[in-house]
C-alpha atoms as a PDB file:
ATOM      1  CA  MET A   1     -98.893 -24.297  81.637  1.00  0.00           C
ATOM      2  CA  PRO A   2     -95.765 -24.796  78.142  1.00  0.00           C
ATOM      3  CA  ASN A   3     -96.489 -27.967  76.023  1.00  0.00           C
ATOM      4  CA  ILE A   4     -93.524 -30.388  75.999  1.00  0.00           C
ATOM      5  CA  HIS A   5     -90.897 -30.804  73.524  1.00  0.00           C
ATOM      6  CA  VAL A   6     -88.975 -33.735  72.367  1.00  0.00           C
ATOM      7  CA  VAL A   7     -86.025 -31.959  70.341  1.00  0.00           C
ATOM      8  CA  PRO A   8     -83.037 -32.754  68.829  1.00  0.00           C
ATOM      9  CA  ALA A   9     -80.010 -32.149  70.335  1.00  0.00           C
ATOM     10  CA  GLY A  10     -76.959 -32.595  69.465  1.00  0.00           C
ATOM     11  CA  ASP A  11     -75.715 -36.215  69.213  1.00  0.00           C
ATOM     12  CA  SER A  12     -78.499 -36.396  72.256  1.00  0.00           C
ATOM     13  CA  TRP A  13     -82.344 -35.667  72.982  1.00  0.00           C
ATOM     14  CA  ALA A  14     -83.477 -32.944  75.614  1.00  0.00           C
ATOM     15  CA  VAL A  15     -87.096 -32.460  77.760  1.00  0.00           C
ATOM     16  CA  GLU A  16     -88.499 -29.239  77.152  1.00  0.00           C
ATOM     17  CA  HIS A  17     -91.160 -26.119  77.409  1.00  0.00           C
ATOM     18  CA  ALA A  18     -92.317 -24.729  74.948  1.00  0.00           C
ATOM     19  CA  GLY A  19     -91.445 -20.785  75.026  1.00  0.00           C
ATOM     20  CA  GLY A  20     -88.066 -22.014  77.183  1.00  0.00           C
ATOM     21  CA  GLY A  21     -87.760 -22.297  80.837  1.00  0.00           C
ATOM     22  CA  SER A  22     -86.341 -25.986  81.683  1.00  0.00           C
ATOM     23  CA  ARG A  23     -84.215 -27.859  79.747  1.00  0.00           C
ATOM     24  CA  LYS A  24     -83.441 -31.242  79.897  1.00  0.00           C
ATOM     25  CA  THR A  25     -80.967 -34.441  77.918  1.00  0.00           C
ATOM     26  CA  TYR A  26     -80.605 -37.779  78.103  1.00  0.00           C
ATOM     27  CA  PRO A  27     -79.026 -40.407  75.943  1.00  0.00           C
ATOM     28  CA  SER A  28     -81.547 -40.735  73.364  1.00  0.00           C
ATOM     29  CA  GLN A  29     -85.014 -40.367  72.221  1.00  0.00           C
ATOM     30  CA  GLU A  30     -86.525 -43.697  73.651  1.00  0.00           C
ATOM     31  CA  GLU A  31     -84.856 -41.934  77.230  1.00  0.00           C
ATOM     32  CA  ALA A  32     -86.468 -38.899  76.285  1.00  0.00           C
ATOM     33  CA  ILE A  33     -89.142 -39.971  75.437  1.00  0.00           C
ATOM     34  CA  SER A  34     -90.625 -41.520  78.482  1.00  0.00           C
ATOM     35  CA  ALA A  35     -89.772 -38.212  80.604  1.00  0.00           C
ATOM     36  CA  ALA A  36     -91.066 -36.691  78.429  1.00  0.00           C
ATOM     37  CA  THR A  37     -94.658 -38.583  79.218  1.00  0.00           C
ATOM     38  CA  GLU A  38     -94.494 -38.836  82.718  1.00  0.00           C
ATOM     39  CA  GLN A  39     -94.089 -34.612  83.057  1.00  0.00           C
ATOM     40  CA  ALA A  40     -96.722 -34.380  80.725  1.00  0.00           C
ATOM     41  CA  LYS A  41     -99.138 -36.438  82.381  1.00  0.00           C
ATOM     42  CA  ARG A  42     -98.105 -34.805  85.425  1.00  0.00           C
ATOM     43  CA  GLU A  43     -98.915 -32.096  84.448  1.00  0.00           C
ATOM     44  CA  ARG A  44    -101.899 -31.995  82.190  1.00  0.00           C
ATOM     45  CA  VAL A  45    -100.050 -30.676  78.876  1.00  0.00           C
ATOM     46  CA  GLU A  46     -99.174 -31.720  75.776  1.00  0.00           C
ATOM     47  CA  LEU A  47     -96.538 -34.011  74.297  1.00  0.00           C
ATOM     48  CA  LEU A  48     -94.437 -33.266  70.606  1.00  0.00           C
ATOM     49  CA  ILE A  49     -92.138 -35.986  70.009  1.00  0.00           C
ATOM     50  CA  HIS A  50     -89.740 -34.161  67.218  1.00  0.00           C
ATOM     51  CA  GLY A  51     -87.144 -36.289  65.321  1.00  0.00           C
ATOM     52  CA  ARG A  52     -83.630 -35.698  64.296  1.00  0.00           C
ATOM     53  CA  ASP A  53     -84.640 -33.407  61.275  1.00  0.00           C
ATOM     54  CA  GLY A  54     -86.771 -31.924  63.961  1.00  0.00           C
ATOM     55  CA  GLN A  55     -90.068 -31.303  62.336  1.00  0.00           C
ATOM     56  CA  ILE A  56     -93.041 -32.848  64.555  1.00  0.00           C
ATOM     57  CA  ARG A  57     -93.610 -36.425  64.510  1.00  0.00           C
ATOM     58  CA  GLU A  58     -96.186 -36.930  66.817  1.00  0.00           C
ATOM     59  CA  ARG A  59     -97.867 -35.242  69.425  1.00  0.00           C
ATOM     60  CA  ASN A  60    -100.289 -37.103  72.173  1.00  0.00           C
ATOM     61  CA  SER A  61    -102.371 -34.801  74.430  1.00  0.00           C
ATOM     62  CA  TYR A  62    -102.275 -35.483  78.307  1.00  0.00           C
ATOM     63  CA  GLY A  63    -104.381 -32.073  79.032  1.00  0.00           C
ATOM     64  CA  ASN A  64    -107.149 -31.062  77.719  1.00  0.00           C
ATOM     65  CA  ASP A  65    -108.374 -32.230  74.395  1.00  0.00           C
ATOM     66  CA  PRO A  66    -109.846 -29.660  73.609  1.00  0.00           C
ATOM     67  CA  ARG A  67    -112.270 -32.297  70.997  1.00  0.00           C
ATOM     68  CA  ASP A  68    -114.539 -33.205  71.936  1.00  0.00           C
ATOM     69  CA  ILE A  69    -114.916 -37.437  70.356  1.00  0.00           C
ATOM     70  CA  PRO A  70    -114.843 -40.209  71.736  1.00  0.00           C
ATOM     71  CA  GLY A  71    -113.110 -43.049  71.307  1.00  0.00           C
END
């Protein structure tokens, strides 16, 4: 399953799967993050949140985390 990204989309924000596929837009970044978080948890994938400049500002793993570090 591809990772999920929250990315700027003009004046709104989009939730999309890496490598293409489905894309849905939301009026605010907060709404997009909320929807993407639920989707990432369901699909057990990583969520990458981009800033308005396109750079990744946060990432959360809801799937198979390769690190074996407690906490």
